[in-house]
Amino acid sequence: MMDIAIPVAPLGVLTLLGFFAPYVVAALNGALPFVKKSWQKKAVSIVVSLVLAALVVVLYYAITKEPITDWWLFALLAIVIVNASYALVTRDSAPAVERAAEPPVIVAHENH
């Protein structure tokens, strides 16, 4: 039988940061010029989730000096939490954040 122990404090931090991560995902989707297709937006979401999980694991180790042995579980939880938060909390506001984060387009007109 496999025993998985999840430290509560990092899980709480991961969950709280997971509610703000969709805004980061939406801002990156708007700011990165090569992110146009749906699969690219999902890839950005997964990368942000993994960075978030790594940040929580590193901060937990820095504070307690105890490694989290099930780090892969935090990575999976981060992906689920960020994507669920995006779907439930920020679905309507994410496009507005994407538009606000888009770089301005400068159009030069020549007068002849």
N, C-alpha and C. Protein backbone atom coordinates (compact mmCIF):
# COMPACT_ATOMS: atom_id res chain seq x y z
N MET A 1 0.84 -1.17 0.00
CA MET A 1 0.00 0.00 0.00
C MET A 1 0.89 1.24 0.00
N MET A 2 0.51 2.22 -0.77
CA MET A 2 1.27 3.46 -0.90
C MET A 2 0.76 4.48 0.10
N ASP A 3 1.67 5.09 0.84
CA ASP A 3 1.29 6.10 1.82
C ASP A 3 1.74 7.47 1.33
N ILE A 4 0.79 8.34 1.10
CA ILE A 4 1.10 9.70 0.63
C ILE A 4 0.76 10.67 1.76
N ALA A 5 1.77 11.40 2.17
CA ALA A 5 1.57 12.40 3.23
C ALA A 5 1.71 13.79 2.61
N ILE A 6 0.70 14.60 2.79
CA ILE A 6 0.70 15.95 2.25
C ILE A 6 0.79 16.94 3.41
N PRO A 7 1.87 17.71 3.49
CA PRO A 7 1.95 18.73 4.54
C PRO A 7 0.85 19.78 4.34
N VAL A 8 0.18 20.13 5.41
CA VAL A 8 -0.99 21.00 5.33
C VAL A 8 -0.62 22.43 4.98
N ALA A 9 0.43 22.97 5.59
CA ALA A 9 0.79 24.37 5.36
C ALA A 9 1.11 24.65 3.89
N PRO A 10 1.96 23.86 3.25
CA PRO A 10 2.22 24.14 1.83
C PRO A 10 0.98 23.94 0.96
N LEU A 11 0.14 23.00 1.33
CA LEU A 11 -1.08 22.79 0.57
C LEU A 11 -2.00 24.02 0.67
N GLY A 12 -2.07 24.62 1.85
CA GLY A 12 -2.85 25.84 2.02
C GLY A 12 -2.29 27.00 1.22
N VAL A 13 -0.97 27.15 1.24
CA VAL A 13 -0.33 28.21 0.46
C VAL A 13 -0.56 27.97 -1.03
N LEU A 14 -0.43 26.73 -1.46
CA LEU A 14 -0.66 26.39 -2.86
C LEU A 14 -2.08 26.73 -3.28
N THR A 15 -3.03 26.42 -2.42
CA THR A 15 -4.43 26.71 -2.73
C THR A 15 -4.70 28.21 -2.80
N LEU A 16 -4.16 28.96 -1.85
CA LEU A 16 -4.37 30.41 -1.86
C LEU A 16 -3.72 31.06 -3.08
N LEU A 17 -2.50 30.65 -3.40
CA LEU A 17 -1.84 31.21 -4.58
C LEU A 17 -2.53 30.74 -5.85
N GLY A 18 -3.16 29.57 -5.80
CA GLY A 18 -3.86 29.06 -6.96
C GLY A 18 -5.04 29.92 -7.38
N PHE A 19 -5.59 30.68 -6.44
CA PHE A 19 -6.70 31.56 -6.79
C PHE A 19 -6.23 32.82 -7.51
N PHE A 20 -4.95 33.19 -7.34
CA PHE A 20 -4.41 34.36 -8.03
C PHE A 20 -3.68 33.98 -9.31
N ALA A 21 -3.26 32.74 -9.42
CA ALA A 21 -2.50 32.29 -10.59
C ALA A 21 -3.25 32.45 -11.90
N PRO A 22 -4.57 32.25 -11.96
CA PRO A 22 -5.25 32.44 -13.26
C PRO A 22 -5.12 33.85 -13.81
N TYR A 23 -5.00 34.83 -12.93
CA TYR A 23 -4.79 36.20 -13.41
C TYR A 23 -3.40 36.33 -14.03
N VAL A 24 -2.42 35.64 -13.46
CA VAL A 24 -1.07 35.62 -14.04
C VAL A 24 -1.12 34.91 -15.39
N VAL A 25 -1.83 33.81 -15.45
CA VAL A 25 -1.97 33.07 -16.71
C VAL A 25 -2.63 33.95 -17.76
N ALA A 26 -3.70 34.63 -17.41
CA ALA A 26 -4.39 35.50 -18.36
C ALA A 26 -3.50 36.65 -18.81
N ALA A 27 -2.75 37.22 -17.88
CA ALA A 27 -1.84 38.32 -18.24
C ALA A 27 -0.74 37.83 -19.18
N LEU A 28 -0.20 36.65 -18.91
CA LEU A 28 0.82 36.10 -19.80
C LEU A 28 0.24 35.75 -21.16
N ASN A 29 -0.99 35.24 -21.18
CA ASN A 29 -1.63 34.93 -22.47
C ASN A 29 -1.79 36.19 -23.31
N GLY A 30 -2.04 37.32 -22.66
CA GLY A 30 -2.17 38.57 -23.40
C GLY A 30 -0.84 39.19 -23.75
N ALA A 31 0.14 39.04 -22.87
CA ALA A 31 1.43 39.70 -23.06
C ALA A 31 2.36 38.96 -24.01
N LEU A 32 2.26 37.65 -24.06
CA LEU A 32 3.14 36.88 -24.94
C LEU A 32 2.56 36.86 -26.35
N PRO A 33 3.29 37.41 -27.32
CA PRO A 33 2.73 37.55 -28.66
C PRO A 33 2.51 36.22 -29.39
N PHE A 34 3.22 35.18 -29.00
CA PHE A 34 3.09 33.91 -29.71
C PHE A 34 1.96 33.03 -29.18
N VAL A 35 1.30 33.43 -28.09
CA VAL A 35 0.21 32.65 -27.52
C VAL A 35 -1.10 33.09 -28.17
N LYS A 36 -1.55 32.29 -29.12
CA LYS A 36 -2.79 32.61 -29.84
C LYS A 36 -3.79 31.46 -29.81
N LYS A 37 -3.30 30.24 -29.84
CA LYS A 37 -4.19 29.08 -29.94
C LYS A 37 -4.52 28.53 -28.56
N SER A 38 -5.57 27.74 -28.52
CA SER A 38 -6.05 27.18 -27.25
C SER A 38 -4.99 26.30 -26.57
N TRP A 39 -4.29 25.48 -27.34
CA TRP A 39 -3.30 24.60 -26.73
C TRP A 39 -2.12 25.40 -26.17
N GLN A 40 -1.81 26.54 -26.76
CA GLN A 40 -0.74 27.39 -26.24
C GLN A 40 -1.16 28.01 -24.91
N LYS A 41 -2.42 28.40 -24.80
CA LYS A 41 -2.91 28.95 -23.54
C LYS A 41 -2.92 27.88 -22.45
N LYS A 42 -3.24 26.66 -22.81
CA LYS A 42 -3.20 25.57 -21.84
C LYS A 42 -1.77 25.28 -21.41
N ALA A 43 -0.83 25.36 -22.34
CA ALA A 43 0.58 25.14 -22.01
C ALA A 43 1.08 26.21 -21.05
N VAL A 44 0.69 27.47 -21.27
CA VAL A 44 1.06 28.54 -20.35
C VAL A 44 0.49 28.27 -18.97
N SER A 45 -0.74 27.80 -18.91
CA SER A 45 -1.38 27.48 -17.64
C SER A 45 -0.64 26.38 -16.90
N ILE A 46 -0.22 25.36 -17.61
CA ILE A 46 0.51 24.25 -16.97
C ILE A 46 1.88 24.71 -16.50
N VAL A 47 2.56 25.52 -17.28
CA VAL A 47 3.88 26.02 -16.88
C VAL A 47 3.76 26.89 -15.63
N VAL A 48 2.77 27.77 -15.60
CA VAL A 48 2.56 28.61 -14.41
C VAL A 48 2.24 27.74 -13.20
N SER A 49 1.44 26.70 -13.39
CA SER A 49 1.11 25.78 -12.30
C SER A 49 2.34 25.09 -11.76
N LEU A 50 3.19 24.62 -12.65
CA LEU A 50 4.41 23.93 -12.22
C LEU A 50 5.38 24.87 -11.52
N VAL A 51 5.48 26.09 -12.00
CA VAL A 51 6.33 27.08 -11.33
C VAL A 51 5.78 27.39 -9.94
N LEU A 52 4.48 27.51 -9.83
CA LEU A 52 3.84 27.75 -8.54
C LEU A 52 4.12 26.60 -7.58
N ALA A 53 3.98 25.36 -8.04
CA ALA A 53 4.26 24.20 -7.19
C ALA A 53 5.72 24.18 -6.76
N ALA A 54 6.63 24.46 -7.68
CA ALA A 54 8.05 24.49 -7.35
C ALA A 54 8.35 25.58 -6.32
N LEU A 55 7.72 26.73 -6.47
CA LEU A 55 7.91 27.82 -5.52
C LEU A 55 7.46 27.42 -4.12
N VAL A 56 6.32 26.77 -4.02
CA VAL A 56 5.80 26.34 -2.71
C VAL A 56 6.72 25.29 -2.09
N VAL A 57 7.19 24.34 -2.89
CA VAL A 57 8.09 23.30 -2.37
C VAL A 57 9.40 23.90 -1.90
N VAL A 58 9.95 24.83 -2.66
CA VAL A 58 11.22 25.47 -2.28
C VAL A 58 11.04 26.32 -1.03
N LEU A 59 9.96 27.10 -0.95
CA LEU A 59 9.72 27.91 0.24
C LEU A 59 9.51 27.05 1.48
N TYR A 60 8.81 25.93 1.33
CA TYR A 60 8.60 25.02 2.46
C TYR A 60 9.95 24.48 2.95
N TYR A 61 10.81 24.10 2.02
CA TYR A 61 12.12 23.60 2.40
C TYR A 61 12.97 24.71 3.05
N ALA A 62 12.89 25.91 2.52
CA ALA A 62 13.68 27.02 3.07
C ALA A 62 13.25 27.35 4.50
N ILE A 63 11.96 27.21 4.79
CA ILE A 63 11.45 27.54 6.12
C ILE A 63 11.66 26.41 7.11
N THR A 64 11.39 25.18 6.71
CA THR A 64 11.41 24.06 7.65
C THR A 64 12.66 23.19 7.55
N LYS A 65 13.42 23.30 6.48
CA LYS A 65 14.58 22.45 6.20
C LYS A 65 14.19 20.98 6.06
N GLU A 66 12.93 20.72 5.77
CA GLU A 66 12.44 19.37 5.52
C GLU A 66 11.95 19.29 4.07
N PRO A 67 12.46 18.36 3.30
CA PRO A 67 11.99 18.25 1.92
C PRO A 67 10.61 17.62 1.86
N ILE A 68 9.88 17.98 0.84
CA ILE A 68 8.59 17.35 0.57
C ILE A 68 8.89 16.18 -0.36
N THR A 69 8.65 14.99 0.13
CA THR A 69 9.00 13.81 -0.66
C THR A 69 8.05 13.59 -1.83
N ASP A 70 6.82 14.00 -1.68
CA ASP A 70 5.83 13.82 -2.75
C ASP A 70 5.66 15.12 -3.54
N TRP A 71 6.76 15.65 -4.07
CA TRP A 71 6.72 16.91 -4.80
C TRP A 71 5.87 16.79 -6.06
N TRP A 72 5.85 15.61 -6.66
CA TRP A 72 5.06 15.40 -7.87
C TRP A 72 3.57 15.58 -7.59
N LEU A 73 3.18 15.26 -6.36
CA LEU A 73 1.79 15.44 -5.98
C LEU A 73 1.43 16.92 -5.93
N PHE A 74 2.36 17.76 -5.46
CA PHE A 74 2.12 19.20 -5.47
C PHE A 74 2.02 19.73 -6.89
N ALA A 75 2.81 19.16 -7.78
CA ALA A 75 2.72 19.59 -9.18
C ALA A 75 1.34 19.26 -9.76
N LEU A 76 0.86 18.07 -9.52
CA LEU A 76 -0.47 17.69 -10.01
C LEU A 76 -1.57 18.52 -9.35
N LEU A 77 -1.45 18.74 -8.05
CA LEU A 77 -2.45 19.56 -7.36
C LEU A 77 -2.45 20.99 -7.87
N ALA A 78 -1.26 21.52 -8.14
CA ALA A 78 -1.18 22.89 -8.66
C ALA A 78 -1.88 23.00 -10.01
N ILE A 79 -1.67 22.01 -10.88
CA ILE A 79 -2.33 22.03 -12.19
C ILE A 79 -3.84 21.99 -12.02
N VAL A 80 -4.32 21.13 -11.14
CA VAL A 80 -5.77 21.01 -10.92
C VAL A 80 -6.33 22.29 -10.30
N ILE A 81 -5.67 22.82 -9.29
CA ILE A 81 -6.17 24.01 -8.59
C ILE A 81 -6.19 25.22 -9.51
N VAL A 82 -5.12 25.45 -10.25
CA VAL A 82 -5.05 26.63 -11.13
C VAL A 82 -6.09 26.52 -12.24
N ASN A 83 -6.22 25.35 -12.85
CA ASN A 83 -7.19 25.22 -13.93
C ASN A 83 -8.63 25.25 -13.43
N ALA A 84 -8.88 24.70 -12.26
CA ALA A 84 -10.23 24.79 -11.69
C ALA A 84 -10.55 26.23 -11.32
N SER A 85 -9.58 26.93 -10.77
CA SER A 85 -9.78 28.33 -10.43
C SER A 85 -10.04 29.16 -11.69
N TYR A 86 -9.29 28.88 -12.73
CA TYR A 86 -9.49 29.59 -13.99
C TYR A 86 -10.89 29.36 -14.53
N ALA A 87 -11.33 28.11 -14.47
CA ALA A 87 -12.64 27.76 -15.01
C ALA A 87 -13.79 28.30 -14.16
N LEU A 88 -13.62 28.29 -12.84
CA LEU A 88 -14.72 28.67 -11.96
C LEU A 88 -14.73 30.14 -11.56
N VAL A 89 -13.56 30.69 -11.30
CA VAL A 89 -13.48 32.03 -10.73
C VAL A 89 -13.25 33.09 -11.80
N THR A 90 -12.34 32.85 -12.71
CA THR A 90 -11.90 33.91 -13.62
C THR A 90 -12.33 33.71 -15.06
N ARG A 91 -13.25 32.83 -15.32
CA ARG A 91 -13.65 32.56 -16.71
C ARG A 91 -14.13 33.83 -17.41
N ASP A 92 -14.93 34.64 -16.72
CA ASP A 92 -15.46 35.85 -17.35
C ASP A 92 -14.46 37.01 -17.36
N SER A 93 -13.61 37.08 -16.33
CA SER A 93 -12.69 38.21 -16.24
C SER A 93 -11.36 37.95 -16.94
N ALA A 94 -11.03 36.70 -17.25
CA ALA A 94 -9.74 36.40 -17.88
C ALA A 94 -9.57 37.07 -19.24
N PRO A 95 -10.59 37.06 -20.12
CA PRO A 95 -10.40 37.76 -21.40
C PRO A 95 -10.12 39.26 -21.23
N ALA A 96 -10.71 39.88 -20.23
CA ALA A 96 -10.44 41.30 -19.99
C ALA A 96 -9.00 41.50 -19.55
N VAL A 97 -8.49 40.59 -18.72
CA VAL A 97 -7.09 40.69 -18.28
C VAL A 97 -6.16 40.44 -19.47
N GLU A 98 -6.50 39.49 -20.33
CA GLU A 98 -5.69 39.23 -21.53
C GLU A 98 -5.62 40.46 -22.42
N ARG A 99 -6.77 41.11 -22.64
CA ARG A 99 -6.78 42.31 -23.49
C ARG A 99 -5.99 43.44 -22.86
N ALA A 100 -6.08 43.58 -21.54
CA ALA A 100 -5.35 44.65 -20.86
C ALA A 100 -3.85 44.43 -20.88
N ALA A 101 -3.42 43.17 -20.93
CA ALA A 101 -1.99 42.86 -20.91
C ALA A 101 -1.36 42.84 -22.29
N GLU A 102 -2.18 42.91 -23.34
CA GLU A 102 -1.63 42.90 -24.69
C GLU A 102 -0.77 44.13 -24.92
N PRO A 103 0.38 43.93 -25.57
CA PRO A 103 1.21 45.10 -25.87
C PRO A 103 0.50 46.00 -26.89
N PRO A 104 0.71 47.31 -26.75
CA PRO A 104 0.04 48.22 -27.68
C PRO A 104 0.58 48.05 -29.11
N VAL A 105 -0.30 48.19 -30.04
CA VAL A 105 0.07 48.08 -31.45
C VAL A 105 0.19 49.50 -32.00
N ILE A 106 1.35 49.78 -32.55
CA ILE A 106 1.60 51.11 -33.12
C ILE A 106 1.53 50.99 -34.63
N VAL A 107 0.67 51.79 -35.21
CA VAL A 107 0.49 51.78 -36.66
C VAL A 107 0.98 53.10 -37.20
N ALA A 108 1.92 53.02 -38.12
CA ALA A 108 2.46 54.23 -38.72
C ALA A 108 1.79 54.45 -40.07
N HIS A 109 1.28 55.66 -40.26
CA HIS A 109 0.65 56.02 -41.53
C HIS A 109 1.55 56.99 -42.24
N GLU A 110 1.69 56.76 -43.54
CA GLU A 110 2.49 57.69 -44.35
C GLU A 110 1.55 58.60 -45.12
N ASN A 111 1.87 59.84 -45.14
CA ASN A 111 1.10 60.79 -45.92
C ASN A 111 1.85 61.06 -47.22
N HIS A 112 1.16 60.87 -48.33
CA HIS A 112 1.80 61.10 -49.63
C HIS A 112 1.26 62.33 -50.25
